[in-house]
Amino acid sequence: MEVSGGLSLVTIVLFLPLIGLIPLIFLREDQHDAIRWTTLGFTLVTFAASLLLWAGFDGNVSSLQMAQRNTWVTFGPTDAPYVISYFVGIDGLSLLLVIMTTFIVPLAVLSSFRAHVIHERGREKLYYGFMLLLEWAMIGVFVAQDLFLFYVFWEITLVPMYFLIGIWGAENRVYAAVKFFLYTVAGSILMLLGILYVGINAHTFAMPDLVAGVQNGTINFPFVGLFSTQGLLFLSFFVAFAVKVPIWPLHSWLPDAHVQAPTAGSVILAGVLLKMGTYGLVRFCLPMFPEASAAWAPFVAVLAVIGIIYGAWVSFAQTDMKKLVAYSSVSHLGFVVLGIFALNQAGIEGGIMQMVNHGISTGGLFLLVGMLYERRHTKEMAAYGGIWKALPLFGAISLLVTLSSMGLPGLNGFVGEFTILLGSYGSTVLGAGFTVFATLGVILAAVYMLKMFQKVYMGELDKEENKHLPPLHWQEIAVLIPIVIAIIYIGVQPAPFFHTMDATVNQLVAHVGEAATTIASNITP
């Protein structure tokens, strides 16, 4: 691992959205077009810069690449001070999520151009400023390699999303925003306590140093049972990430936040913010607390499988399209958690791949629901029917995104789900029963997604208000085409994505492998 104190490309990608706030400050509130296109321009430049990260990334190297480390805060005794650093870098666990973030945010920004609620409530400069601030913080979460720095970015993401929901959301937006904020902060406090304990006892907050110390035995968090020191540290991080995912039964904030958020807010919430939780499980829980991760894996897998089936079952009962897609996230991300806690190469890589796929597919679904809402101002499925006949191009794209979310072979959703099921079936800490029950979620996904598609797009075009819906605007097409391309490309050519994470995941699995095979089968509560 080469670490530089000079400016790295990772830092440039990280701070580009923040730099975009500078011209926004000097624009007048009535300069709507300038505000929108300036924001979009900076998000597109950030996406282009993130592709340079991928171009310069060596998939055969497991350690951090393009890392930058500068001392930020020093405290404690002078002979052995505690150091908090500005420490950023990428590896196979984080690169794809950075690219996914920079891919989704420009689409969310462009989709906002035609959102009536943003124009009606005004304060567009504030809205687009929050979008840039949110992108900066989300990228920071994925590239931070210092525990304290990670926590700072983690908490900052709450602020812009809170205001995006609370100001530009639907009727119950304030309730949803407060609920989202309180749930996440409650979990984060536990993580902060864990970070303080780990950093002070290990005498470092730098993740590579912590992981190396755990591997060579110089850093030891005692593990003699599920509720020993390491087990409790694992739980302090796990609960914070479980709330963010969200894992059942900590999911109740999600439907409210999704339904009340503006379309762009729902896209970013589903596409990126939820992945911060699953990413945290891979980045922190597994490498720092390998024995506890192995011991708790069956219990976490039970929650994941319950979430898979529960999320699918409740999705089927919905009549509101947005709420259906929201509950489907509980089900889909249950697959991701199951793959991660299979603790093997296939499961973890499938989990990371599904994080990306879910962001693309579910983000696409929220965009489609938002476009329908802009035309009819209702999300109720009963208000539609036969929409394909009125909007044939829109219907065709909707079918593709729906099939992707269902996991149809040949599209991106299948790649992640199949690899996760492969990993869970071959896991040494999980039994085949988990895979059997998880497979039911795949079947149920087809049921509720096809139900929604049939009610909205198929049948007779018998409602007068649906017969003269305006066709897709070029800006809406520009938003949907990248989603379509990503769905098809990942579905037919997933190899580059797996190659990106192979070396890093292989090293992680080797680290937790011994714990997964020797401890989990013997531990008792």
Protein backbone atom coordinates (compact mmCIF):
# COMPACT_ATOMS: atom_id res chain seq x y z
CA MET A 1 0.00 0.00 0.00
CA GLU A 2 1.45 3.31 -1.09
CA VAL A 3 0.23 6.29 0.91
CA SER A 4 1.01 9.82 -0.12
CA GLY A 5 0.78 13.07 1.78
CA GLY A 6 0.21 14.94 -1.46
CA LEU A 7 -2.98 15.51 -3.38
CA SER A 8 -4.47 12.28 -4.73
CA LEU A 9 -7.13 11.67 -7.37
CA VAL A 10 -9.39 10.31 -4.63
CA THR A 11 -9.29 13.69 -2.88
CA ILE A 12 -10.06 15.48 -6.16
CA VAL A 13 -13.11 13.27 -6.76
CA LEU A 14 -14.20 13.76 -3.15
CA PHE A 15 -14.07 17.54 -3.16
CA LEU A 16 -15.38 18.30 -6.66
CA PRO A 17 -19.04 18.43 -5.46
CA LEU A 18 -18.02 20.74 -2.61
CA ILE A 19 -16.22 23.03 -5.04
CA GLY A 20 -19.46 23.15 -7.01
CA LEU A 21 -21.08 24.97 -4.08
CA ILE A 22 -18.86 28.01 -4.67
CA PRO A 23 -20.46 29.24 -7.92
CA LEU A 24 -23.92 28.44 -6.52
CA ILE A 25 -23.33 30.89 -3.69
CA PHE A 26 -22.84 33.74 -6.17
CA LEU A 27 -25.87 32.96 -8.32
CA ARG A 28 -29.14 34.77 -7.67
CA GLU A 29 -32.17 32.77 -6.58
CA ASP A 30 -34.03 33.69 -9.78
CA GLN A 31 -31.26 32.31 -12.04
CA HIS A 32 -32.95 28.92 -12.19
CA ASP A 33 -31.29 27.55 -15.31
CA ALA A 34 -27.81 28.61 -14.19
CA ILE A 35 -28.33 26.95 -10.80
CA ARG A 36 -29.53 23.69 -12.34
CA TRP A 37 -26.93 23.38 -15.06
CA THR A 38 -24.06 24.39 -12.78
CA THR A 39 -25.05 21.65 -10.35
CA LEU A 40 -25.44 19.09 -13.11
CA GLY A 41 -22.11 20.12 -14.62
CA PHE A 42 -20.19 19.54 -11.41
CA THR A 43 -21.86 16.16 -10.79
CA LEU A 44 -20.98 15.07 -14.34
CA VAL A 45 -17.37 16.17 -13.91
CA THR A 46 -17.27 14.22 -10.65
CA PHE A 47 -18.57 11.13 -12.47
CA ALA A 48 -15.92 11.53 -15.19
CA ALA A 49 -13.21 11.87 -12.53
CA SER A 50 -14.45 8.72 -10.78
CA LEU A 51 -14.06 6.82 -14.06
CA LEU A 52 -10.42 7.91 -14.03
CA LEU A 53 -10.18 6.24 -10.61
CA TRP A 54 -11.38 3.00 -12.18
CA ALA A 55 -9.05 3.40 -15.16
CA GLY A 56 -6.06 3.78 -12.83
CA PHE A 57 -7.12 1.03 -10.44
CA ASP A 58 -5.18 -2.26 -10.42
CA GLY A 59 -7.61 -5.10 -9.74
CA ASN A 60 -4.74 -7.45 -8.89
CA VAL A 61 -3.76 -5.39 -5.83
CA SER A 62 -5.70 -6.04 -2.63
CA SER A 63 -4.54 -3.05 -0.59
CA LEU A 64 -5.50 0.62 -0.73
CA GLN A 65 -4.68 2.52 -3.88
CA MET A 66 -4.36 6.27 -4.58
CA ALA A 67 -4.35 6.82 -0.83
CA GLN A 68 -3.64 10.14 0.86
CA ARG A 69 -2.92 10.55 4.56
CA ASN A 70 -2.39 13.81 6.43
CA THR A 71 -2.44 14.36 10.19
CA TRP A 72 -5.59 16.19 11.22
CA VAL A 73 -5.91 16.11 15.02
CA THR A 74 -3.37 15.02 17.64
CA PHE A 75 -4.27 14.59 21.31
CA GLY A 76 -3.24 12.65 24.38
CA PRO A 77 0.22 12.11 25.92
CA THR A 78 3.13 13.60 24.01
CA ASP A 79 5.14 10.38 24.07
CA ALA A 80 2.31 8.32 22.54
CA PRO A 81 -0.33 10.67 21.08
CA TYR A 82 -3.59 9.64 19.48
CA VAL A 83 -3.74 10.78 15.87
CA ILE A 84 -6.84 11.41 13.76
CA SER A 85 -5.95 11.69 10.08
CA TYR A 86 -7.42 12.86 6.84
CA PHE A 87 -6.92 9.39 5.38
CA VAL A 88 -8.67 8.48 2.12
CA GLY A 89 -8.16 5.78 -0.50
CA ILE A 90 -9.95 3.15 -2.55
CA ASP A 91 -9.83 -0.62 -2.84
CA GLY A 92 -12.05 -3.33 -4.26
CA LEU A 93 -14.62 -2.83 -1.51
CA SER A 94 -15.19 0.86 -2.17
CA LEU A 95 -14.39 1.70 -5.81
CA LEU A 96 -17.60 0.38 -7.35
CA LEU A 97 -19.68 2.17 -4.73
CA VAL A 98 -17.92 5.46 -5.43
CA ILE A 99 -18.66 5.07 -9.14
CA MET A 100 -22.26 4.08 -8.40
CA THR A 101 -22.65 7.25 -6.31
CA THR A 102 -21.24 9.54 -8.95
CA PHE A 103 -23.39 7.77 -11.58
CA ILE A 104 -26.69 8.12 -9.71
CA VAL A 105 -26.37 11.70 -8.43
CA PRO A 106 -26.29 13.40 -11.89
CA LEU A 107 -29.39 11.42 -12.87
CA ALA A 108 -31.14 12.53 -9.69
CA VAL A 109 -30.13 16.14 -10.36
CA LEU A 110 -31.33 16.03 -13.97
CA SER A 111 -34.63 14.44 -12.92
CA SER A 112 -35.15 17.42 -10.59
CA PHE A 113 -35.27 19.86 -13.51
CA ARG A 114 -38.89 18.90 -14.24
CA ALA A 115 -40.06 18.31 -10.66
CA HIS A 116 -42.95 20.70 -10.00
CA VAL A 117 -42.65 20.57 -6.22
CA ILE A 118 -39.15 22.04 -6.33
CA HIS A 119 -40.26 24.95 -8.51
CA GLU A 120 -43.43 25.54 -6.47
CA ARG A 121 -41.71 25.63 -3.08
CA GLY A 122 -38.78 27.65 -4.36
CA ARG A 123 -35.33 27.87 -2.78
CA GLU A 124 -33.83 25.99 -5.72
CA LYS A 125 -30.33 27.20 -4.88
CA LEU A 126 -30.65 25.60 -1.46
CA TYR A 127 -32.06 22.40 -2.97
CA TYR A 128 -29.22 21.92 -5.45
CA GLY A 129 -26.69 22.99 -2.84
CA PHE A 130 -27.93 20.17 -0.60
CA MET A 131 -27.56 17.75 -3.51
CA LEU A 132 -23.89 18.67 -3.94
CA LEU A 133 -23.26 18.55 -0.18
CA LEU A 134 -24.90 15.14 -0.01
CA GLU A 135 -22.77 13.77 -2.86
CA TRP A 136 -19.61 15.03 -1.15
CA ALA A 137 -20.52 13.33 2.14
CA MET A 138 -21.56 10.04 0.49
CA ILE A 139 -18.30 9.77 -1.45
CA GLY A 140 -16.49 10.59 1.79
CA VAL A 141 -18.14 7.64 3.52
CA PHE A 142 -16.84 5.25 0.87
CA VAL A 143 -13.27 6.58 0.69
CA ALA A 144 -12.58 7.42 4.37
CA GLN A 145 -9.96 5.14 5.92
CA ASP A 146 -9.93 6.74 9.38
CA LEU A 147 -12.71 5.78 11.80
CA PHE A 148 -13.27 9.33 13.00
CA LEU A 149 -13.25 10.76 9.48
CA PHE A 150 -15.72 8.08 8.42
CA TYR A 151 -18.02 9.02 11.30
CA VAL A 152 -17.90 12.70 10.32
CA PHE A 153 -18.97 11.94 6.75
CA TRP A 154 -21.56 9.42 7.99
CA GLU A 155 -23.26 12.05 10.14
CA ILE A 156 -23.02 14.84 7.56
CA THR A 157 -25.12 12.81 5.10
CA LEU A 158 -28.05 13.12 7.51
CA VAL A 159 -28.26 16.90 7.26
CA PRO A 160 -28.94 17.44 3.53
CA MET A 161 -31.24 14.42 3.30
CA TYR A 162 -33.19 15.65 6.33
CA PHE A 163 -33.84 18.98 4.63
CA LEU A 164 -34.50 17.44 1.19
CA ILE A 165 -37.31 15.39 2.73
CA GLY A 166 -38.49 18.03 5.20
CA ILE A 167 -38.71 20.95 2.73
CA TRP A 168 -39.48 19.40 -0.66
CA GLY A 169 -41.25 16.21 0.43
CA ALA A 170 -44.95 15.27 0.39
CA GLU A 171 -47.73 15.95 2.90
CA ASN A 172 -46.17 14.20 5.93
CA ARG A 173 -42.64 15.24 5.07
CA VAL A 174 -41.69 16.70 8.47
CA TYR A 175 -42.73 13.52 10.31
CA ALA A 176 -40.77 11.36 7.86
CA ALA A 177 -37.69 13.59 8.01
CA VAL A 178 -37.60 13.60 11.81
CA LYS A 179 -38.13 9.83 11.98
CA PHE A 180 -35.32 9.25 9.47
CA PHE A 181 -33.00 11.53 11.43
CA LEU A 182 -33.75 10.10 14.87
CA TYR A 183 -33.45 6.45 13.83
CA THR A 184 -30.08 7.01 12.18
CA VAL A 185 -28.68 9.18 14.98
CA ALA A 186 -29.72 6.63 17.61
CA GLY A 187 -27.77 3.90 15.83
CA SER A 188 -24.84 6.22 15.18
CA ILE A 189 -24.37 6.98 18.89
CA LEU A 190 -23.66 3.30 19.54
CA MET A 191 -21.14 3.31 16.70
CA LEU A 192 -19.45 6.41 18.11
CA LEU A 193 -18.96 4.63 21.44
CA GLY A 194 -17.47 1.67 19.57
CA ILE A 195 -15.16 3.95 17.58
CA LEU A 196 -13.90 5.62 20.75
CA TYR A 197 -13.23 2.29 22.45
CA VAL A 198 -11.45 0.84 19.42
CA GLY A 199 -9.39 3.93 18.68
CA ILE A 200 -8.27 4.55 22.26
CA ASN A 201 -7.46 0.90 23.07
CA ALA A 202 -5.77 0.19 19.73
CA HIS A 203 -4.07 3.59 19.80
CA THR A 204 -5.03 4.29 16.20
CA PHE A 205 -8.11 5.28 14.24
CA ALA A 206 -6.67 4.29 10.85
CA MET A 207 -8.47 1.30 9.36
CA PRO A 208 -5.46 -0.29 7.59
CA ASP A 209 -3.48 -0.11 10.85
CA LEU A 210 -6.37 -1.59 12.82
CA VAL A 211 -6.89 -4.47 10.39
CA ALA A 212 -3.17 -5.20 10.20
CA GLY A 213 -2.98 -5.20 14.01
CA VAL A 214 -5.90 -7.59 14.30
CA GLN A 215 -4.32 -9.88 11.71
CA ASN A 216 -0.89 -10.04 13.33
CA GLY A 217 -2.21 -10.12 16.90
CA THR A 218 -0.78 -6.80 18.10
CA ILE A 219 -4.34 -5.50 18.45
CA ASN A 220 -6.65 -7.84 20.28
CA PHE A 221 -10.30 -7.43 21.17
CA PRO A 222 -11.01 -10.44 23.41
CA PHE A 223 -13.63 -12.85 22.18
CA VAL A 224 -14.93 -15.57 24.51
CA GLY A 225 -18.62 -15.40 23.64
CA LEU A 226 -21.30 -13.48 21.80
CA PHE A 227 -21.39 -10.78 24.47
CA SER A 228 -17.69 -10.57 25.21
CA THR A 229 -15.71 -7.42 24.41
CA GLN A 230 -15.42 -8.15 20.72
CA GLY A 231 -19.03 -9.27 20.49
CA LEU A 232 -20.27 -6.02 22.02
CA LEU A 233 -17.99 -3.94 19.79
CA PHE A 234 -19.37 -5.82 16.80
CA LEU A 235 -22.92 -5.02 17.93
CA SER A 236 -22.13 -1.33 18.44
CA PHE A 237 -21.15 -1.04 14.77
CA PHE A 238 -23.69 -3.56 13.49
CA VAL A 239 -26.74 -1.79 14.97
CA ALA A 240 -25.76 1.51 13.32
CA PHE A 241 -25.34 -0.19 9.96
CA ALA A 242 -28.47 -2.32 10.42
CA VAL A 243 -30.59 0.82 10.91
CA LYS A 244 -29.17 2.36 7.75
CA VAL A 245 -29.62 -0.75 5.54
CA PRO A 246 -32.31 -1.20 7.04
CA ILE A 247 -32.44 -4.74 8.39
CA TRP A 248 -35.75 -6.03 9.77
CA PRO A 249 -37.06 -5.06 12.37
CA LEU A 250 -35.25 -1.68 12.23
CA HIS A 251 -36.82 -0.75 8.92
CA SER A 252 -39.94 1.22 9.83
CA TRP A 253 -38.39 4.62 9.00
CA LEU A 254 -37.72 3.61 5.38
CA PRO A 255 -41.23 3.52 3.83
CA ASP A 256 -42.09 6.89 5.36
CA ALA A 257 -38.86 8.48 4.14
CA HIS A 258 -39.24 7.07 0.63
CA VAL A 259 -42.90 7.93 0.20
CA GLN A 260 -42.50 11.48 1.52
CA ALA A 261 -39.18 12.31 -0.16
CA PRO A 262 -39.08 14.08 -3.55
CA THR A 263 -38.21 11.78 -6.44
CA ALA A 264 -34.51 12.68 -6.46
CA GLY A 265 -34.38 12.14 -2.70
CA SER A 266 -35.87 8.65 -3.05
CA VAL A 267 -33.42 7.82 -5.84
CA ILE A 268 -30.40 8.81 -3.75
CA LEU A 269 -31.80 7.26 -0.58
CA ALA A 270 -32.35 3.89 -2.27
CA GLY A 271 -29.41 4.10 -4.64
CA VAL A 272 -26.67 5.23 -2.27
CA LEU A 273 -27.57 6.00 1.35
CA LEU A 274 -28.86 2.51 2.15
CA LYS A 275 -25.62 1.05 0.77
CA MET A 276 -23.66 2.95 3.39
CA GLY A 277 -25.03 0.42 5.88
CA THR A 278 -24.12 -2.69 3.92
CA TYR A 279 -20.74 -1.18 3.03
CA GLY A 280 -20.07 -0.57 6.73
CA LEU A 281 -20.69 -4.24 7.48
CA VAL A 282 -18.02 -5.27 4.97
CA ARG A 283 -15.57 -2.47 5.70
CA PHE A 284 -15.65 -2.48 9.51
CA CYS A 285 -17.49 -5.41 11.11
CA LEU A 286 -15.83 -8.27 9.23
CA PRO A 287 -12.15 -7.24 9.27
CA MET A 288 -12.04 -5.67 12.76
CA PHE A 289 -14.19 -8.27 14.56
CA PRO A 290 -13.74 -11.52 12.59
CA GLU A 291 -14.58 -13.93 15.43
CA ALA A 292 -17.66 -11.99 16.44
CA SER A 293 -18.75 -11.71 12.80
CA ALA A 294 -18.51 -15.46 12.41
CA ALA A 295 -20.31 -16.12 15.68
CA TRP A 296 -23.13 -13.67 15.00
CA ALA A 297 -23.46 -14.63 11.31
CA PRO A 298 -26.31 -17.18 11.73
CA PHE A 299 -28.34 -14.72 13.80
CA VAL A 300 -27.78 -11.92 11.28
CA ALA A 301 -28.70 -14.31 8.46
CA VAL A 302 -32.01 -15.09 10.20
CA LEU A 303 -32.83 -11.37 10.26
CA ALA A 304 -31.77 -11.07 6.62
CA VAL A 305 -34.02 -13.93 5.49
CA ILE A 306 -36.95 -12.58 7.50
CA GLY A 307 -36.38 -9.23 5.82
CA ILE A 308 -36.28 -10.85 2.38
CA ILE A 309 -39.62 -12.59 2.82
CA TYR A 310 -41.29 -9.88 4.93
CA GLY A 311 -40.29 -7.10 2.52
CA ALA A 312 -41.61 -9.06 -0.44
CA TRP A 313 -44.86 -10.00 1.32
CA VAL A 314 -45.61 -6.46 2.41
CA SER A 315 -44.70 -5.13 -1.05
CA PHE A 316 -47.40 -7.33 -2.56
CA ALA A 317 -50.01 -5.77 -0.27
CA GLN A 318 -49.27 -2.18 -1.33
CA THR A 319 -51.49 -0.07 -3.54
CA ASP A 320 -49.07 2.88 -3.63
CA MET A 321 -46.31 2.36 -6.21
CA LYS A 322 -43.69 4.28 -4.26
CA LYS A 323 -44.40 2.40 -1.05
CA LEU A 324 -44.18 -0.91 -2.94
CA VAL A 325 -40.74 -0.03 -4.27
CA ALA A 326 -39.70 1.14 -0.80
CA TYR A 327 -40.61 -2.16 0.86
CA SER A 328 -38.92 -4.04 -1.98
CA SER A 329 -35.66 -2.44 -0.82
CA VAL A 330 -36.03 -4.19 2.54
CA SER A 331 -36.27 -7.48 0.65
CA HIS A 332 -33.45 -6.84 -1.82
CA LEU A 333 -31.02 -5.58 0.78
CA GLY A 334 -31.76 -8.64 2.87
CA PHE A 335 -30.05 -10.56 0.06
CA VAL A 336 -27.02 -8.28 0.35
CA VAL A 337 -26.72 -8.85 4.11
CA LEU A 338 -27.12 -12.61 3.62
CA GLY A 339 -24.29 -12.63 1.09
CA ILE A 340 -21.98 -10.59 3.31
CA PHE A 341 -22.45 -12.91 6.29
CA ALA A 342 -21.90 -16.01 4.20
CA LEU A 343 -18.28 -14.95 4.85
CA ASN A 344 -16.97 -16.41 1.61
CA GLN A 345 -15.77 -14.99 -1.69
CA ALA A 346 -18.95 -15.59 -3.68
CA GLY A 347 -21.26 -14.25 -0.98
CA ILE A 348 -19.33 -11.04 -0.28
CA GLU A 349 -18.69 -10.29 -3.96
CA GLY A 350 -22.33 -11.00 -4.74
CA GLY A 351 -23.33 -8.66 -1.92
CA ILE A 352 -21.16 -5.83 -3.25
CA MET A 353 -22.40 -6.45 -6.79
CA GLN A 354 -26.00 -6.40 -5.61
CA MET A 355 -25.41 -3.09 -3.82
CA VAL A 356 -24.57 -1.60 -7.20
CA ASN A 357 -27.39 -3.40 -9.00
CA HIS A 358 -30.00 -2.39 -6.45
CA GLY A 359 -28.90 1.22 -6.71
CA ILE A 360 -29.38 1.16 -10.48
CA SER A 361 -32.62 -0.85 -10.65
CA THR A 362 -34.45 0.61 -7.67
CA GLY A 363 -33.20 4.08 -8.49
CA GLY A 364 -34.68 3.52 -11.95
CA LEU A 365 -38.00 2.41 -10.47
CA PHE A 366 -38.25 5.54 -8.33
CA LEU A 367 -37.46 7.68 -11.37
CA LEU A 368 -40.24 5.99 -13.34
CA VAL A 369 -42.75 6.40 -10.51
CA GLY A 370 -41.75 10.04 -10.21
CA MET A 371 -42.28 10.64 -13.93
CA LEU A 372 -45.77 9.15 -13.73
CA TYR A 373 -46.51 11.24 -10.65
CA GLU A 374 -45.51 14.44 -12.47
CA ARG A 375 -48.16 13.61 -15.11
CA ARG A 376 -51.01 12.41 -12.90
CA HIS A 377 -50.14 13.57 -9.37
CA THR A 378 -51.03 10.23 -7.87
CA LYS A 379 -49.00 7.15 -6.94
CA GLU A 380 -52.01 4.84 -6.57
CA MET A 381 -51.87 1.89 -8.97
CA ALA A 382 -55.66 1.91 -9.31
CA ALA A 383 -55.47 5.33 -11.00
CA TYR A 384 -53.60 3.85 -13.95
CA GLY A 385 -54.01 0.97 -16.38
CA GLY A 386 -53.02 0.58 -20.01
CA ILE A 387 -50.28 3.20 -19.70
CA TRP A 388 -48.14 1.32 -22.23
CA LYS A 389 -50.64 2.24 -24.94
CA ALA A 390 -50.39 5.93 -24.08
CA LEU A 391 -46.61 5.96 -23.52
CA PRO A 392 -45.07 3.05 -25.46
CA LEU A 393 -41.41 4.06 -24.98
CA PHE A 394 -41.99 4.69 -21.30
CA GLY A 395 -43.70 1.30 -20.99
CA ALA A 396 -40.83 -0.53 -22.70
CA ILE A 397 -38.23 1.05 -20.41
CA SER A 398 -40.40 0.33 -17.38
CA LEU A 399 -40.62 -3.34 -18.36
CA LEU A 400 -36.84 -3.60 -18.60
CA VAL A 401 -36.29 -1.97 -15.20
CA THR A 402 -39.03 -4.14 -13.65
CA LEU A 403 -37.44 -7.33 -15.01
CA SER A 404 -34.07 -6.14 -13.74
CA SER A 405 -35.48 -5.69 -10.24
CA MET A 406 -36.99 -9.18 -10.45
CA GLY A 407 -33.56 -10.67 -11.24
CA LEU A 408 -34.21 -11.87 -14.79
CA PRO A 409 -31.17 -13.69 -16.25
CA GLY A 410 -29.32 -11.48 -18.71
CA LEU A 411 -29.95 -8.34 -16.67
CA ASN A 412 -27.96 -6.89 -13.80
CA GLY A 413 -30.22 -8.03 -10.95
CA PHE A 414 -29.63 -11.70 -11.71
CA VAL A 415 -25.85 -11.41 -11.45
CA GLY A 416 -25.84 -10.27 -7.82
CA GLU A 417 -28.67 -12.47 -6.53
CA PHE A 418 -27.31 -15.65 -8.12
CA THR A 419 -23.82 -15.06 -6.71
CA ILE A 420 -25.27 -14.37 -3.25
CA LEU A 421 -27.31 -17.59 -3.31
CA LEU A 422 -24.22 -19.46 -4.50
CA GLY A 423 -22.23 -18.03 -1.61
CA SER A 424 -24.86 -18.67 1.06
CA TYR A 425 -25.32 -22.27 -0.09
CA GLY A 426 -21.59 -22.94 0.14
CA SER A 427 -21.06 -21.07 3.39
CA THR A 428 -19.45 -22.85 6.34
CA VAL A 429 -21.34 -20.71 8.87
CA LEU A 430 -24.77 -20.83 7.24
CA GLY A 431 -26.83 -23.86 6.31
CA ALA A 432 -28.55 -24.60 3.02
CA GLY A 433 -31.86 -23.73 4.68
CA PHE A 434 -31.01 -20.04 4.51
CA THR A 435 -30.60 -20.33 0.75
CA VAL A 436 -33.89 -22.17 0.36
CA PHE A 437 -35.85 -19.50 2.23
CA ALA A 438 -33.98 -16.69 0.48
CA THR A 439 -34.93 -18.20 -2.88
CA LEU A 440 -38.57 -17.69 -1.93
CA GLY A 441 -37.81 -13.98 -1.99
CA VAL A 442 -36.82 -14.25 -5.65
CA ILE A 443 -40.16 -15.85 -6.46
CA LEU A 444 -42.12 -13.33 -4.41
CA ALA A 445 -40.26 -10.46 -6.11
CA ALA A 446 -41.62 -11.65 -9.44
CA VAL A 447 -45.12 -11.75 -7.95
CA TYR A 448 -45.25 -8.20 -6.57
CA MET A 449 -43.31 -6.59 -9.41
CA LEU A 450 -45.49 -8.18 -12.08
CA LYS A 451 -48.60 -7.23 -10.10
CA MET A 452 -47.53 -3.58 -10.18
CA PHE A 453 -46.60 -3.72 -13.86
CA GLN A 454 -49.89 -5.36 -14.82
CA LYS A 455 -52.03 -2.85 -12.92
CA VAL A 456 -50.19 0.22 -14.18
CA TYR A 457 -49.13 -0.62 -17.72
CA MET A 458 -51.30 -3.46 -19.02
CA GLY A 459 -55.03 -3.83 -19.58
CA GLU A 460 -57.39 -1.34 -21.16
CA LEU A 461 -56.63 2.36 -21.38
CA ASP A 462 -60.09 3.12 -19.99
CA LYS A 463 -59.46 6.25 -17.90
CA GLU A 464 -59.84 9.45 -19.86
CA GLU A 465 -57.14 11.28 -17.90
CA ASN A 466 -54.58 8.63 -18.95
CA LYS A 467 -55.28 8.84 -22.70
CA HIS A 468 -53.48 12.10 -23.36
CA LEU A 469 -50.42 11.91 -21.14
CA PRO A 470 -47.47 13.92 -22.51
CA PRO A 471 -44.69 11.78 -24.01
CA LEU A 472 -41.25 11.56 -22.47
CA HIS A 473 -39.33 14.82 -22.54
CA TRP A 474 -35.75 14.67 -23.82
CA GLN A 475 -34.48 15.34 -20.29
CA GLU A 476 -36.42 12.33 -19.00
CA ILE A 477 -35.01 10.17 -21.78
CA ALA A 478 -31.53 11.41 -20.90
CA VAL A 479 -32.13 10.26 -17.31
CA LEU A 480 -33.44 6.80 -18.26
CA ILE A 481 -31.01 5.82 -21.02
CA PRO A 482 -27.95 5.49 -18.71
CA ILE A 483 -30.06 3.29 -16.40
CA VAL A 484 -31.00 1.05 -19.34
CA ILE A 485 -27.40 0.81 -20.54
CA ALA A 486 -26.11 -0.08 -17.06
CA ILE A 487 -28.80 -2.74 -16.56
CA ILE A 488 -27.96 -4.48 -19.81
CA TYR A 489 -24.18 -4.07 -19.68
CA ILE A 490 -23.77 -5.45 -16.16
CA GLY A 491 -26.16 -8.28 -17.00
CA VAL A 492 -24.15 -9.50 -19.99
CA GLN A 493 -20.64 -8.41 -18.97
CA PRO A 494 -20.19 -8.58 -15.17
CA ALA A 495 -16.57 -9.80 -15.29
CA PRO A 496 -14.90 -6.34 -15.03
CA PHE A 497 -16.91 -5.58 -11.91
CA PHE A 498 -15.95 -8.82 -10.20
CA HIS A 499 -12.31 -8.42 -11.23
CA THR A 500 -12.26 -5.02 -9.54
CA MET A 501 -13.04 -6.54 -6.15
CA ASP A 502 -11.50 -10.04 -6.45
CA ALA A 503 -8.15 -9.35 -4.79
CA THR A 504 -9.52 -7.25 -1.92
CA VAL A 505 -12.36 -9.65 -1.13
CA ASN A 506 -10.01 -12.63 -1.33
CA GLN A 507 -7.77 -11.01 1.29
CA LEU A 508 -10.78 -10.24 3.49
CA VAL A 509 -12.08 -13.82 3.24
CA ALA A 510 -8.66 -15.18 4.14
CA HIS A 511 -8.69 -12.93 7.19
CA VAL A 512 -12.11 -14.04 8.49
CA GLY A 513 -11.96 -17.59 7.11
CA GLU A 514 -10.40 -19.24 10.14
CA ALA A 515 -12.91 -17.60 12.46
CA ALA A 516 -15.74 -18.62 10.16
CA THR A 517 -14.75 -22.29 10.26
CA THR A 518 -13.67 -22.73 13.87
CA ILE A 519 -15.69 -20.39 16.07
CA ALA A 520 -19.20 -20.01 14.68
CA SER A 521 -20.04 -23.70 14.98
CA ASN A 522 -19.01 -23.88 18.64
CA ILE A 523 -20.25 -20.60 20.13
CA THR A 524 -23.21 -20.47 22.48
CA PRO A 525 -25.02 -17.34 23.70
